[in-house]
Amino acid sequence: MAKRGGFGGGMPGNMNNLMKQAQKMQRQMEEAQKELEEKEITAAAGGGAVEVTVSGKREVTKVKLSEDVVDPDDIEMLEDLIMAATNEALRQLEEFSANSMSKITGGMGIPGGLPF
């Protein structure tokens, strides 16, 4: 006797429910993406001597330097501080993005770019 594979008789209803959930998740992800794009994150380095602000689109929108950190004889330190502040702002933005997506997917480990 051959075994029957697949799901039982309730599959059409379950599939419809699954599609509704997927569409809801897609809308939530689109809303979260829009919120992320409007977000700005500022990070500092050198005890606040350098501040860098990045947008949710991962673009640097502002750089603020303390007069004390501008030393013509030590340009390399200023470059390092700008780089450190920028990298920290981008890291915080990525963390914010991951947390936003995790709330939507319920921690299922689904990447943000599902093609629903």
Protein backbone atom coordinates (compact mmCIF):
# COMPACT_ATOMS: atom_id res chain seq x y z
CA MET A 1 0.00 0.00 0.00
CA ALA A 2 1.45 3.35 -1.02
CA LYS A 3 1.87 6.02 1.61
CA ARG A 4 0.31 9.37 1.10
CA GLY A 5 2.80 12.23 1.29
CA GLY A 6 2.30 15.87 2.10
CA PHE A 7 -0.17 17.55 4.39
CA GLY A 8 -3.68 16.50 5.28
CA GLY A 9 -6.97 17.89 4.00
CA GLY A 10 -6.62 21.36 5.60
CA MET A 11 -3.82 22.53 3.36
CA PRO A 12 -5.68 25.10 1.24
CA GLY A 13 -6.77 26.98 4.37
CA ASN A 14 -3.32 26.73 5.92
CA MET A 15 -1.67 27.91 2.72
CA ASN A 16 -4.02 30.90 2.54
CA ASN A 17 -3.22 31.77 6.15
CA LEU A 18 0.49 31.41 5.46
CA MET A 19 0.24 33.77 2.48
CA LYS A 20 -1.62 36.35 4.60
CA GLN A 21 1.10 36.14 7.24
CA ALA A 22 3.80 36.52 4.59
CA GLN A 23 2.06 39.58 3.13
CA LYS A 24 1.71 41.11 6.61
CA MET A 25 5.39 40.47 7.29
CA GLN A 26 6.31 42.06 3.96
CA ARG A 27 4.32 45.22 4.82
CA GLN A 28 5.97 45.38 8.24
CA MET A 29 9.42 44.98 6.66
CA GLU A 30 8.69 47.76 4.16
CA GLU A 31 7.57 50.04 7.02
CA ALA A 32 10.70 49.17 9.02
CA GLN A 33 12.89 49.87 5.97
CA LYS A 34 11.24 53.28 5.53
CA GLU A 35 11.75 54.04 9.24
CA LEU A 36 15.37 52.96 8.96
CA GLU A 37 16.00 55.22 5.97
CA GLU A 38 14.69 58.19 7.98
CA LYS A 39 16.84 57.31 11.02
CA GLU A 40 20.04 59.17 11.85
CA ILE A 41 22.68 57.84 14.22
CA THR A 42 25.52 59.89 15.68
CA ALA A 43 28.64 58.35 17.17
CA ALA A 44 31.67 60.00 18.73
CA ALA A 45 35.37 59.23 19.07
CA GLY A 46 38.19 60.82 21.01
CA GLY A 47 35.99 61.58 24.00
CA GLY A 48 33.55 63.51 21.84
CA ALA A 49 36.20 65.43 19.89
CA VAL A 50 34.84 63.96 16.65
CA GLU A 51 31.19 63.21 15.96
CA VAL A 52 29.87 61.58 12.80
CA THR A 53 26.21 61.25 11.86
CA VAL A 54 25.04 58.67 9.34
CA SER A 55 21.61 58.25 7.79
CA GLY A 56 19.67 55.03 7.52
CA LYS A 57 20.77 55.00 3.90
CA ARG A 58 24.33 54.54 5.20
CA GLU A 59 25.46 57.99 4.09
CA VAL A 60 27.53 60.34 6.24
CA THR A 61 25.32 63.39 6.76
CA LYS A 62 27.37 65.36 9.29
CA VAL A 63 30.88 65.55 10.70
CA LYS A 64 31.51 67.71 13.77
CA LEU A 65 35.04 68.42 14.98
CA SER A 66 36.16 70.02 18.21
CA GLU A 67 38.69 72.80 17.63
CA ASP A 68 41.03 71.02 20.05
CA VAL A 69 41.33 68.01 17.76
CA VAL A 70 42.41 70.03 14.72
CA ASP A 71 46.21 69.87 14.86
CA PRO A 72 48.00 70.51 11.56
CA ASP A 73 50.97 68.54 12.87
CA ASP A 74 48.86 65.45 13.58
CA ILE A 75 46.47 64.97 10.68
CA GLU A 76 46.74 61.20 11.06
CA MET A 77 45.11 61.26 14.52
CA LEU A 78 42.19 63.30 13.17
CA GLU A 79 41.77 60.88 10.26
CA ASP A 80 41.75 57.94 12.69
CA LEU A 81 39.14 59.61 14.91
CA ILE A 82 36.86 60.36 11.95
CA MET A 83 37.19 56.78 10.75
CA ALA A 84 36.49 55.39 14.25
CA ALA A 85 33.41 57.57 14.73
CA THR A 86 32.09 56.69 11.26
CA ASN A 87 32.58 52.97 11.79
CA GLU A 88 30.86 53.13 15.19
CA ALA A 89 27.87 55.02 13.74
CA LEU A 90 27.56 52.43 10.95
CA ARG A 91 27.83 49.58 13.50
CA GLN A 92 25.04 51.14 15.60
CA LEU A 93 22.90 51.57 12.49
CA GLU A 94 23.39 47.91 11.57
CA GLU A 95 22.46 46.88 15.10
CA PHE A 96 19.31 49.03 14.96
CA SER A 97 18.41 47.49 11.60
CA ALA A 98 18.95 43.94 12.83
CA ASN A 99 16.84 44.59 15.93
CA SER A 100 14.03 46.05 13.82
CA MET A 101 13.98 43.05 11.49
CA SER A 102 14.19 40.62 14.41
CA LYS A 103 11.03 42.12 15.90
CA ILE A 104 9.21 41.53 12.61
CA THR A 105 10.46 38.02 11.91
CA GLY A 106 10.16 36.94 15.52
CA GLY A 107 13.79 35.88 15.65
CA MET A 108 13.27 33.26 12.93
CA GLY A 109 16.57 34.21 11.32
CA ILE A 110 14.91 35.32 8.09
CA PRO A 111 17.05 37.82 6.21
CA GLY A 112 15.62 41.28 5.49
CA GLY A 113 15.42 40.89 1.73
CA LEU A 114 12.83 38.18 1.25
CA PRO A 115 11.23 38.42 -2.20
CA PHE A 116 7.56 38.06 -1.18
